C-alpha atoms as a PDB file:
ATOM      1  CA  MET A   1     -11.407   6.703  17.506  1.00  0.00           C
ATOM      2  CA  PRO A   2      -8.865   7.697  14.785  1.00  0.00           C
ATOM      3  CA  SER A   3      -6.454   5.123  16.229  1.00  0.00           C
ATOM      4  CA  LEU A   4      -9.119   2.435  15.928  1.00  0.00           C
ATOM      5  CA  TRP A   5      -9.722   3.424  12.301  1.00  0.00           C
ATOM      6  CA  MET A   6      -6.015   2.916  11.544  1.00  0.00           C
ATOM      7  CA  LEU A   7      -5.813  -0.354  13.442  1.00  0.00           C
ATOM      8  CA  PHE A   8      -8.799  -1.630  11.500  1.00  0.00           C
ATOM      9  CA  ALA A   9      -7.235  -0.473   8.223  1.00  0.00           C
ATOM     10  CA  SER A  10      -3.989  -2.291   9.032  1.00  0.00           C
ATOM     11  CA  PHE A  11      -5.867  -5.464   9.926  1.00  0.00           C
ATOM     12  CA  ALA A  12      -7.960  -5.264   6.744  1.00  0.00           C
ATOM     13  CA  PHE A  13      -4.884  -4.687   4.542  1.00  0.00           C
ATOM     14  CA  ALA A  14      -3.188  -7.708   6.134  1.00  0.00           C
ATOM     15  CA  ALA A  15      -6.338  -9.775   5.590  1.00  0.00           C
ATOM     16  CA  MET A  16      -6.414  -8.665   1.961  1.00  0.00           C
ATOM     17  CA  GLY A  17      -2.779  -9.730   1.579  1.00  0.00           C
ATOM     18  CA  ALA A  18      -3.576 -13.142   3.040  1.00  0.00           C
ATOM     19  CA  GLY A  19      -6.485 -13.473   0.623  1.00  0.00           C
ATOM     20  CA  VAL A  20      -4.276 -12.509  -2.317  1.00  0.00           C
ATOM     21  CA  LYS A  21      -1.681 -15.108  -1.375  1.00  0.00           C
ATOM     22  CA  LEU A  22      -4.335 -17.813  -1.050  1.00  0.00           C
ATOM     23  CA  ALA A  23      -6.062 -16.804  -4.290  1.00  0.00           C
ATOM     24  CA  SER A  24      -2.773 -16.661  -6.236  1.00  0.00           C
ATOM     25  CA  GLU A  25      -2.924 -20.458  -6.391  1.00  0.00           C
ATOM     26  CA  PHE A  26      -6.040 -20.194  -8.578  1.00  0.00           C
ATOM     27  CA  TYR A  27      -5.760 -16.859 -10.385  1.00  0.00           C
ATOM     28  CA  THR A  28      -3.099 -14.808 -12.149  1.00  0.00           C
ATOM     29  CA  THR A  29      -1.905 -11.476 -10.774  1.00  0.00           C
ATOM     30  CA  SER A  30      -3.844  -9.610 -13.482  1.00  0.00           C
ATOM     31  CA  GLU A  31      -7.016 -11.476 -12.587  1.00  0.00           C
ATOM     32  CA  LEU A  32      -6.582 -10.594  -8.938  1.00  0.00           C
ATOM     33  CA  LEU A  33      -6.149  -6.938  -9.880  1.00  0.00           C
ATOM     34  CA  PHE A  34      -9.285  -7.067 -12.029  1.00  0.00           C
ATOM     35  CA  TYR A  35     -11.515  -8.647  -9.402  1.00  0.00           C
ATOM     36  CA  ARG A  36     -10.098  -6.543  -6.583  1.00  0.00           C
ATOM     37  CA  GLY A  37     -10.838  -3.362  -8.517  1.00  0.00           C
ATOM     38  CA  LEU A  38     -14.213  -4.499  -9.871  1.00  0.00           C
ATOM     39  CA  ILE A  39     -15.626  -5.519  -6.505  1.00  0.00           C
ATOM     40  CA  GLY A  40     -14.439  -2.335  -4.831  1.00  0.00           C
ATOM     41  CA  SER A  41     -15.777  -0.147  -7.655  1.00  0.00           C
ATOM     42  CA  VAL A  42     -19.235  -1.743  -7.640  1.00  0.00           C
ATOM     43  CA  ILE A  43     -19.610  -1.573  -3.857  1.00  0.00           C
ATOM     44  CA  LEU A  44     -18.376   2.012  -3.615  1.00  0.00           C
ATOM     45  CA  PHE A  45     -20.458   3.137  -6.595  1.00  0.00           C
ATOM     46  CA  ALA A  46     -23.619   1.773  -4.988  1.00  0.00           C
ATOM     47  CA  ILE A  47     -22.831   3.408  -1.627  1.00  0.00           C
ATOM     48  CA  VAL A  48     -21.972   6.805  -3.095  1.00  0.00           C
ATOM     49  CA  ARG A  49     -24.999   6.911  -5.395  1.00  0.00           C
ATOM     50  CA  HIS A  50     -27.260   5.912  -2.521  1.00  0.00           C
ATOM     51  CA  GLN A  51     -25.892   8.834  -0.497  1.00  0.00           C
ATOM     52  CA  GLY A  52     -26.446  11.202  -3.409  1.00  0.00           C
ATOM     53  CA  HIS A  53     -22.807  12.228  -3.914  1.00  0.00           C
ATOM     54  CA  SER A  54     -21.196  12.939  -7.273  1.00  0.00           C
ATOM     55  CA  PHE A  55     -18.200  11.338  -8.979  1.00  0.00           C
ATOM     56  CA  ARG A  56     -17.544  14.432 -11.099  1.00  0.00           C
ATOM     57  CA  THR A  57     -14.079  15.761 -10.327  1.00  0.00           C
ATOM     58  CA  PRO A  58     -12.242  18.955 -11.283  1.00  0.00           C
ATOM     59  CA  PHE A  59      -8.896  17.123 -11.063  1.00  0.00           C
ATOM     60  CA  PRO A  60      -8.943  14.373 -13.749  1.00  0.00           C
ATOM     61  CA  LYS A  61      -5.213  14.595 -14.509  1.00  0.00           C
ATOM     62  CA  GLU A  62      -4.285  14.263 -10.836  1.00  0.00           C
ATOM     63  CA  HIS A  63      -6.540  11.226 -10.484  1.00  0.00           C
ATOM     64  CA  LEU A  64      -5.053   9.670 -13.622  1.00  0.00           C
ATOM     65  CA  PHE A  65      -1.498  10.018 -12.334  1.00  0.00           C
ATOM     66  CA  ARG A  66      -2.404   8.737  -8.871  1.00  0.00           C
ATOM     67  CA  SER A  67      -4.253   5.755 -10.342  1.00  0.00           C
ATOM     68  CA  ALA A  68      -1.486   4.879 -12.800  1.00  0.00           C
ATOM     69  CA  VAL A  69       1.285   4.768 -10.215  1.00  0.00           C
ATOM     70  CA  GLY A  70      -1.022   3.135  -7.677  1.00  0.00           C
ATOM     71  CA  VAL A  71      -1.991   0.305 -10.022  1.00  0.00           C
ATOM     72  CA  THR A  72       1.649  -0.300 -10.964  1.00  0.00           C
ATOM     73  CA  SER A  73       2.608  -0.497  -7.302  1.00  0.00           C
ATOM     74  CA  LEU A  74      -0.342  -2.766  -6.515  1.00  0.00           C
ATOM     75  CA  TRP A  75       0.497  -5.183  -9.349  1.00  0.00           C
ATOM     76  CA  LEU A  76       4.103  -5.473  -8.141  1.00  0.00           C
ATOM     77  CA  TRP A  77       2.919  -5.959  -4.562  1.00  0.00           C
ATOM     78  CA  PHE A  78       0.449  -8.695  -5.500  1.00  0.00           C
ATOM     79  CA  PHE A  79       3.235 -10.428  -7.420  1.00  0.00           C
ATOM     80  CA  ALA A  80       5.548 -10.148  -4.403  1.00  0.00           C
ATOM     81  CA  ILE A  81       2.858 -11.573  -2.112  1.00  0.00           C
ATOM     82  CA  SER A  82       2.489 -14.606  -4.376  1.00  0.00           C
ATOM     83  CA  LYS A  83       6.240 -15.290  -4.229  1.00  0.00           C
ATOM     84  CA  LEU A  84       7.280 -14.323  -0.690  1.00  0.00           C
ATOM     85  CA  PRO A  85       6.098 -14.998   2.862  1.00  0.00           C
ATOM     86  CA  LEU A  86       3.242 -12.608   3.615  1.00  0.00           C
ATOM     87  CA  ALA A  87       5.069 -10.743   6.403  1.00  0.00           C
ATOM     88  CA  THR A  88       8.101 -10.206   4.136  1.00  0.00           C
ATOM     89  CA  ALA A  89       6.005  -8.767   1.307  1.00  0.00           C
ATOM     90  CA  MET A  90       4.077  -6.587   3.751  1.00  0.00           C
ATOM     91  CA  THR A  91       7.261  -5.275   5.370  1.00  0.00           C
ATOM     92  CA  LEU A  92       8.762  -4.289   2.022  1.00  0.00           C
ATOM     93  CA  ASN A  93       5.572  -2.449   1.088  1.00  0.00           C
ATOM     94  CA  TYR A  94       5.720  -0.464   4.326  1.00  0.00           C
ATOM     95  CA  MET A  95       9.018   1.082   3.229  1.00  0.00           C
ATOM     96  CA  ALA A  96       7.075   3.788   1.367  1.00  0.00           C
ATOM     97  CA  PRO A  97       7.415   6.405   4.178  1.00  0.00           C
ATOM     98  CA  ILE A  98      11.168   5.856   4.099  1.00  0.00           C
ATOM     99  CA  TRP A  99      11.284   6.596   0.376  1.00  0.00           C
ATOM    100  CA  ILE A 100       9.111   9.679   0.911  1.00  0.00           C
ATOM    101  CA  ALA A 101      11.493  10.945   3.586  1.00  0.00           C
ATOM    102  CA  ALA A 102      14.512  10.261   1.388  1.00  0.00           C
ATOM    103  CA  GLY A 103      12.910  12.053  -1.554  1.00  0.00           C
ATOM    104  CA  LEU A 104      11.951  15.087   0.505  1.00  0.00           C
ATOM    105  CA  PHE A 105      15.446  15.261   1.975  1.00  0.00           C
ATOM    106  CA  LEU A 106      17.100  15.053  -1.454  1.00  0.00           C
ATOM    107  CA  ALA A 107      14.742  17.692  -2.854  1.00  0.00           C
ATOM    108  CA  GLY A 108      15.552  20.006   0.060  1.00  0.00           C
ATOM    109  CA  TRP A 109      19.264  19.337  -0.260  1.00  0.00           C
ATOM    110  CA  TRP A 110      19.194  20.005  -3.994  1.00  0.00           C
ATOM    111  CA  SER A 111      17.332  23.301  -3.539  1.00  0.00           C
ATOM    112  CA  LYS A 112      19.437  24.112  -0.454  1.00  0.00           C
ATOM    113  CA  THR A 113      16.312  24.784   1.615  1.00  0.00           C
ATOM    114  CA  ASN A 114      16.891  22.066   4.238  1.00  0.00           C
ATOM    115  CA  THR A 115      19.727  21.457   6.626  1.00  0.00           C
ATOM    116  CA  VAL A 116      21.252  18.013   6.906  1.00  0.00           C
ATOM    117  CA  GLU A 117      19.093  15.837   9.192  1.00  0.00           C
ATOM    118  CA  TRP A 118      21.540  13.188  10.327  1.00  0.00           C
ATOM    119  CA  PRO A 119      18.921  11.140  12.208  1.00  0.00           C
ATOM    120  CA  LEU A 120      16.932  10.940   8.952  1.00  0.00           C
ATOM    121  CA  ILE A 121      19.998   9.855   7.018  1.00  0.00           C
ATOM    122  CA  VAL A 122      20.679   7.162   9.616  1.00  0.00           C
ATOM    123  CA  ALA A 123      17.050   5.989   9.409  1.00  0.00           C
ATOM    124  CA  VAL A 124      17.151   5.685   5.620  1.00  0.00           C
ATOM    125  CA  GLY A 125      20.515   3.934   5.710  1.00  0.00           C
ATOM    126  CA  ALA A 126      19.354   1.548   8.430  1.00  0.00           C
ATOM    127  CA  SER A 127      16.293   0.631   6.387  1.00  0.00           C
ATOM    128  CA  PHE A 128      18.502  -0.671   3.580  1.00  0.00           C
ATOM    129  CA  PHE A 129      20.369  -2.799   6.103  1.00  0.00           C
ATOM    130  CA  GLY A 130      17.010  -4.118   7.274  1.00  0.00           C
ATOM    131  CA  VAL A 131      16.025  -4.995   3.710  1.00  0.00           C
ATOM    132  CA  THR A 132      19.147  -7.104   3.226  1.00  0.00           C
ATOM    133  CA  LEU A 133      18.277  -9.074   6.365  1.00  0.00           C
ATOM    134  CA  VAL A 134      14.634  -9.540   5.402  1.00  0.00           C
ATOM    135  CA  LEU A 135      15.417 -10.606   1.836  1.00  0.00           C
ATOM    136  CA  GLN A 136      18.248 -12.996   2.662  1.00  0.00           C
ATOM    137  CA  PRO A 137      15.983 -16.107   2.816  1.00  0.00           C
ATOM    138  CA  ALA A 138      14.229 -15.059  -0.402  1.00  0.00           C
ATOM    139  CA  ILE A 139      17.530 -14.721  -2.259  1.00  0.00           C
ATOM    140  CA  GLU A 140      18.831 -18.008  -0.898  1.00  0.00           C
ATOM    141  CA  SER A 141      15.658 -19.772  -2.097  1.00  0.00           C
ATOM    142  CA  HIS A 142      15.869 -18.066  -5.523  1.00  0.00           C
ATOM    143  CA  GLN A 143      12.874 -15.808  -4.825  1.00  0.00           C
ATOM    144  CA  TRP A 144      14.859 -12.688  -5.604  1.00  0.00           C
ATOM    145  CA  LEU A 145      12.369 -11.627  -8.307  1.00  0.00           C
ATOM    146  CA  GLY A 146       9.576 -11.426  -5.718  1.00  0.00           C
ATOM    147  CA  GLY A 147      11.859  -9.437  -3.402  1.00  0.00           C
ATOM    148  CA  LEU A 148      12.759  -7.007  -6.178  1.00  0.00           C
ATOM    149  CA  ALA A 149       9.075  -6.563  -7.011  1.00  0.00           C
ATOM    150  CA  GLY A 150       8.319  -5.815  -3.352  1.00  0.00           C
ATOM    151  CA  VAL A 151      11.013  -3.133  -3.110  1.00  0.00           C
ATOM    152  CA  CYS A 152       9.958  -1.518  -6.409  1.00  0.00           C
ATOM    153  CA  SER A 153       6.352  -1.590  -5.218  1.00  0.00           C
ATOM    154  CA  SER A 154       7.243   0.439  -2.134  1.00  0.00           C
ATOM    155  CA  VAL A 155       9.135   3.032  -4.200  1.00  0.00           C
ATOM    156  CA  ILE A 156       6.195   3.565  -6.557  1.00  0.00           C
ATOM    157  CA  SER A 157       3.771   3.417  -3.643  1.00  0.00           C
ATOM    158  CA  ALA A 158       5.534   6.428  -2.130  1.00  0.00           C
ATOM    159  CA  MET A 159       4.709   8.390  -5.283  1.00  0.00           C
ATOM    160  CA  ALA A 160       1.072   7.305  -5.011  1.00  0.00           C
ATOM    161  CA  TYR A 161       0.869   8.347  -1.349  1.00  0.00           C
ATOM    162  CA  MET A 162       2.200  11.798  -2.146  1.00  0.00           C
ATOM    163  CA  GLN A 163      -0.404  12.231  -4.877  1.00  0.00           C
ATOM    164  CA  VAL A 164      -3.188  11.073  -2.538  1.00  0.00           C
ATOM    165  CA  ARG A 165      -2.104  13.664   0.020  1.00  0.00           C
ATOM    166  CA  LYS A 166      -2.030  16.307  -2.714  1.00  0.00           C
ATOM    167  CA  LEU A 167      -5.586  15.456  -3.744  1.00  0.00           C
ATOM    168  CA  GLY A 168      -6.696  15.619  -0.116  1.00  0.00           C
ATOM    169  CA  GLN A 169      -5.067  19.019   0.265  1.00  0.00           C
ATOM    170  CA  MET A 170      -6.928  20.192  -2.845  1.00  0.00           C
ATOM    171  CA  GLY A 171     -10.203  19.240  -1.170  1.00  0.00           C
ATOM    172  CA  GLU A 172     -11.003  16.053  -3.070  1.00  0.00           C
ATOM    173  CA  PRO A 173     -13.152  13.670  -0.939  1.00  0.00           C
ATOM    174  CA  GLU A 174     -11.695  10.263  -0.178  1.00  0.00           C
ATOM    175  CA  TYR A 175     -14.462   8.296  -1.891  1.00  0.00           C
ATOM    176  CA  ARG A 176     -13.515   9.788  -5.275  1.00  0.00           C
ATOM    177  CA  VAL A 177      -9.841   8.995  -4.783  1.00  0.00           C
ATOM    178  CA  VAL A 178     -10.646   5.401  -3.865  1.00  0.00           C
ATOM    179  CA  PHE A 179     -13.266   4.983  -6.615  1.00  0.00           C
ATOM    180  CA  TYR A 180     -11.104   6.173  -9.500  1.00  0.00           C
ATOM    181  CA  PHE A 181      -8.205   4.095  -8.254  1.00  0.00           C
ATOM    182  CA  SER A 182     -10.438   1.000  -8.046  1.00  0.00           C
ATOM    183  CA  LEU A 183     -11.843   1.703 -11.517  1.00  0.00           C
ATOM    184  CA  THR A 184      -8.352   2.052 -13.002  1.00  0.00           C
ATOM    185  CA  THR A 185      -7.313  -1.158 -11.248  1.00  0.00           C
ATOM    186  CA  THR A 186     -10.238  -2.943 -12.900  1.00  0.00           C
ATOM    187  CA  LEU A 187      -9.319  -1.710 -16.383  1.00  0.00           C
ATOM    188  CA  ALA A 188      -5.611  -2.437 -15.930  1.00  0.00           C
ATOM    189  CA  GLY A 189      -6.333  -5.930 -14.633  1.00  0.00           C
ATOM    190  CA  LEU A 190      -8.687  -6.609 -17.559  1.00  0.00           C
ATOM    191  CA  GLY A 191      -6.033  -5.432 -19.992  1.00  0.00           C
ATOM    192  CA  GLY A 192      -3.462  -7.712 -18.383  1.00  0.00           C
ATOM    193  CA  VAL A 193      -5.812 -10.697 -18.553  1.00  0.00           C
ATOM    194  CA  LEU A 194      -6.664 -10.131 -22.224  1.00  0.00           C
ATOM    195  CA  ALA A 195      -2.988  -9.661 -23.087  1.00  0.00           C
ATOM    196  CA  GLY A 196      -2.000 -12.887 -21.309  1.00  0.00           C
ATOM    197  CA  ASP A 197      -1.728 -16.420 -22.617  1.00  0.00           C
ATOM    198  CA  GLY A 198      -5.158 -17.416 -21.360  1.00  0.00           C
ATOM    199  CA  THR A 199      -6.107 -20.638 -19.599  1.00  0.00           C
ATOM    200  CA  PRO A 200      -5.857 -24.262 -20.769  1.00  0.00           C
ATOM    201  CA  THR A 201      -9.466 -23.942 -22.015  1.00  0.00           C
ATOM    202  CA  GLY A 202      -8.568 -20.936 -24.164  1.00  0.00           C
ATOM    203  CA  PHE A 203     -10.721 -18.547 -22.121  1.00  0.00           C
ATOM    204  CA  PRO A 204      -8.833 -15.525 -20.692  1.00  0.00           C
ATOM    205  CA  PHE A 205     -10.210 -15.994 -17.168  1.00  0.00           C
ATOM    206  CA  HIS A 206      -9.884 -19.003 -14.895  1.00  0.00           C
ATOM    207  CA  GLY A 207     -13.054 -20.707 -13.735  1.00  0.00           C
ATOM    208  CA  HIS A 208     -14.384 -20.151 -10.228  1.00  0.00           C
ATOM    209  CA  THR A 209     -14.878 -22.455  -7.297  1.00  0.00           C
ATOM    210  CA  VAL A 210     -16.879 -21.550  -4.223  1.00  0.00           C
ATOM    211  CA  GLY A 211     -13.667 -21.060  -2.266  1.00  0.00           C
ATOM    212  CA  GLY A 212     -12.113 -18.949  -4.999  1.00  0.00           C
ATOM    213  CA  ALA A 213     -15.190 -16.734  -5.283  1.00  0.00           C
ATOM    214  CA  VAL A 214     -15.259 -16.200  -1.517  1.00  0.00           C
ATOM    215  CA  LEU A 215     -11.591 -15.206  -1.570  1.00  0.00           C
ATOM    216  CA  LEU A 216     -12.150 -12.702  -4.387  1.00  0.00           C
ATOM    217  CA  LEU A 217     -15.102 -11.122  -2.590  1.00  0.00           C
ATOM    218  CA  GLY A 218     -13.071 -10.953   0.604  1.00  0.00           C
ATOM    219  CA  ILE A 219     -10.110  -9.314  -1.162  1.00  0.00           C
ATOM    220  CA  GLY A 220     -12.280  -6.638  -2.765  1.00  0.00           C
ATOM    221  CA  ALA A 221     -14.277  -5.880   0.380  1.00  0.00           C
ATOM    222  CA  ALA A 222     -11.216  -5.840   2.659  1.00  0.00           C
ATOM    223  CA  ALA A 223      -9.302  -3.542   0.304  1.00  0.00           C
ATOM    224  CA  LEU A 224     -12.184  -1.089   0.069  1.00  0.00           C
ATOM    225  CA  MET A 225     -12.763  -0.987   3.827  1.00  0.00           C
ATOM    226  CA  ALA A 226      -9.031  -0.623   4.501  1.00  0.00           C
ATOM    227  CA  GLN A 227      -8.630   2.289   2.095  1.00  0.00           C
ATOM    228  CA  MET A 228     -11.632   4.158   3.451  1.00  0.00           C
ATOM    229  CA  ALA A 229     -10.640   3.555   7.077  1.00  0.00           C
ATOM    230  CA  MET A 230      -7.043   4.642   6.474  1.00  0.00           C
ATOM    231  CA  THR A 231      -8.096   7.816   4.696  1.00  0.00           C
ATOM    232  CA  ARG A 232     -10.570   8.670   7.450  1.00  0.00           C
ATOM    233  CA  ALA A 233      -7.945   8.039  10.133  1.00  0.00           C
ATOM    234  CA  TYR A 234      -5.535  10.478   8.480  1.00  0.00           C
ATOM    235  CA  ARG A 235      -8.233  13.108   8.106  1.00  0.00           C
ATOM    236  CA  VAL A 236      -9.469  13.128  11.717  1.00  0.00           C
ATOM    237  CA  GLY A 237      -6.530  11.829  13.740  1.00  0.00           C
ATOM    238  CA  LYS A 238      -3.147  13.013  14.940  1.00  0.00           C
ATOM    239  CA  VAL A 239      -0.763  12.381  12.088  1.00  0.00           C
ATOM    240  CA  LEU A 240       2.165  10.891  14.009  1.00  0.00           C
ATOM    241  CA  VAL A 241      -0.047   8.500  15.960  1.00  0.00           C
ATOM    242  CA  VAL A 242      -2.044   7.378  12.933  1.00  0.00           C
ATOM    243  CA  ALA A 243       0.964   7.039  10.623  1.00  0.00           C
ATOM    244  CA  ASN A 244       2.910   4.934  13.087  1.00  0.00           C
ATOM    245  CA  LEU A 245      -0.063   2.682  13.800  1.00  0.00           C
ATOM    246  CA  GLN A 246       0.007   1.553  10.169  1.00  0.00           C
ATOM    247  CA  TYR A 247       3.036  -0.568  11.055  1.00  0.00           C
ATOM    248  CA  THR A 248       0.784  -2.861  13.059  1.00  0.00           C
ATOM    249  CA  GLY A 249       0.030  -4.296   9.616  1.00  0.00           C
ATOM    250  CA  ILE A 250       3.366  -6.110   9.839  1.00  0.00           C
ATOM    251  CA  VAL A 251       2.242  -7.739  13.082  1.00  0.00           C
ATOM    252  CA  PHE A 252      -1.130  -8.728  11.627  1.00  0.00           C
ATOM    253  CA  SER A 253       0.463 -10.154   8.471  1.00  0.00           C
ATOM    254  CA  SER A 254       2.946 -12.134  10.588  1.00  0.00           C
ATOM    255  CA  LEU A 255       0.031 -13.667  12.502  1.00  0.00           C
ATOM    256  CA  TRP A 256      -1.801 -14.492   9.267  1.00  0.00           C
ATOM    257  CA  GLY A 257       1.347 -16.099   7.875  1.00  0.00           C
ATOM    258  CA  LEU A 258       1.871 -18.136  11.026  1.00  0.00           C
ATOM    259  CA  ALA A 259      -1.757 -19.294  11.140  1.00  0.00           C
ATOM    260  CA  LEU A 260      -2.218 -20.147   7.458  1.00  0.00           C
ATOM    261  CA  TRP A 261       1.224 -21.202   6.234  1.00  0.00           C
ATOM    262  CA  GLY A 262       3.206 -21.836   9.382  1.00  0.00           C
ATOM    263  CA  ASP A 263       5.696 -19.107   8.468  1.00  0.00           C
ATOM    264  CA  ARG A 264       8.627 -18.971  10.830  1.00  0.00           C
ATOM    265  CA  PHE A 265      11.647 -16.711  10.472  1.00  0.00           C
ATOM    266  CA  ASP A 266      15.212 -16.761  11.724  1.00  0.00           C
ATOM    267  CA  TRP A 267      16.379 -14.108  14.133  1.00  0.00           C
ATOM    268  CA  HIS A 268      18.022 -12.042  11.396  1.00  0.00           C
ATOM    269  CA  VAL A 269      14.703 -11.702   9.526  1.00  0.00           C
ATOM    270  CA  TRP A 270      12.942 -10.491  12.668  1.00  0.00           C
ATOM    271  CA  LEU A 271      15.846  -8.100  13.252  1.00  0.00           C
ATOM    272  CA  GLY A 272      15.448  -6.797   9.710  1.00  0.00           C
ATOM    273  CA  ILE A 273      11.697  -6.309  10.204  1.00  0.00           C
ATOM    274  CA  GLY A 274      12.395  -4.447  13.447  1.00  0.00           C
ATOM    275  CA  VAL A 275      14.994  -2.207  11.792  1.00  0.00           C
ATOM    276  CA  ILE A 276      12.630  -1.342   8.923  1.00  0.00           C
ATOM    277  CA  LEU A 277       9.806  -0.676  11.379  1.00  0.00           C
ATOM    278  CA  ALA A 278      11.963   1.628  13.509  1.00  0.00           C
ATOM    279  CA  SER A 279      13.303   3.384  10.409  1.00  0.00           C
ATOM    280  CA  GLY A 280       9.791   3.904   9.100  1.00  0.00           C
ATOM    281  CA  ILE A 281       8.659   5.442  12.383  1.00  0.00           C
ATOM    282  CA  ALA A 282      11.656   7.786  12.352  1.00  0.00           C
ATOM    283  CA  ALA A 283      11.001   8.717   8.719  1.00  0.00           C
ATOM    284  CA  THR A 284       7.344   9.381   9.515  1.00  0.00           C
ATOM    285  CA  PHE A 285       8.405  11.738  12.296  1.00  0.00           C
ATOM    286  CA  TYR A 286      10.507  13.782   9.901  1.00  0.00           C
ATOM    287  CA  ASN A 287       7.767  13.724   7.263  1.00  0.00           C
ATOM    288  CA  THR A 288       5.358  15.346   9.713  1.00  0.00           C
ATOM    289  CA  LYS A 289       7.593  17.931  11.347  1.00  0.00           C
ATOM    290  CA  SER A 290       6.142  21.394  11.883  1.00  0.00           C
ATOM    291  CA  THR A 291       6.817  23.797   9.024  1.00  0.00           C
ATOM    292  CA  PRO A 292       6.001  27.461   8.365  1.00  0.00           C
ATOM    293  CA  LYS A 293       2.839  26.330   6.573  1.00  0.00           C
ATOM    294  CA  GLY A 294       1.288  25.784   9.969  1.00  0.00           C
ATOM    295  CA  ALA A 295      -0.468  23.046  11.855  1.00  0.00           C
ATOM    296  CA  ALA A 296      -3.792  23.273  10.038  1.00  0.00           C
ATOM    297  CA  ILE A 297      -2.492  21.308   7.076  1.00  0.00           C
ATOM    298  CA  LYS A 298      -0.369  19.062   9.235  1.00  0.00           C
ATOM    299  CA  LYS A 299      -3.392  17.844  11.191  1.00  0.00           C
ATOM    300  CA  THR A 300      -5.129  16.493   8.100  1.00  0.00           C
ATOM    301  CA  ASP A 301      -2.232  15.687   5.819  1.00  0.00           C
ATOM    302  CA  PRO A 302       0.866  13.739   6.912  1.00  0.00           C
ATOM    303  CA  ILE A 303       3.167  15.109   4.239  1.00  0.00           C
ATOM    304  CA  ALA A 304       1.432  18.106   2.657  1.00  0.00           C
ATOM    305  CA  SER A 305       3.379  20.495   4.881  1.00  0.00           C
ATOM    306  CA  GLU A 306       6.589  19.252   3.283  1.00  0.00           C
ATOM    307  CA  LEU A 307       5.477  19.645  -0.353  1.00  0.00           C
END
């Protein structure tokens, strides 16, 4: 069952990415952030209140930091999706575990608490080689800004993941983590819209069509379901299995790209995707190694045992 939760989360995240790319033809990135957060917040608020749970949290500062870095990463990712093929943007976003592994290794090396893990070093180095292969078409077609946004998104996303795991270790339920992130996304998106140049009519927001409204509802619903399913999978499943299943999102996004835009890649792009995927799996393994803190934490938290 945990594996099915993660597979569903990966499919839903890929579907959300496809919706974002389609909707980017009608809405700005800030608008997409606003609607994505608003829809998720309203749906989750109604569900949680109906179940009688509380949104009161003893960790407001931790939520604020997690939401701030998460929104920044999400904005960069949405921008990358609008500029790059969906599978390329998705692959770059899935580099987060590699950055986490690199950060943990550097922290251990600096404090002299970890020995040199050469397989981990090879995995991190190989991932950069994979990125150069994946981004080659984007650079050749002058889409380097989208590629840079995708890479930066994955770096910041790694920080957000670590904070989510920290909140989980502190006992914070997943619905609060998702709700406050969605709420912050709404406010950040609204701020971006109001600070923008507006539309040709002078109104900050673009008008809606039936198709555009359906896309926005789909983006918000898919994002909410994906976040909840992913969090549940990590809480009840075996960490290594669940964490590695997230890479099926690359497969799903490739299928969406092929079906909707006819995306086709040269062999070197597929090689780059494969290298990043393999590197991410290796990095995930080292992120979830057994430590003196014991298996109790490791079973519910993919990186808490390393923090």
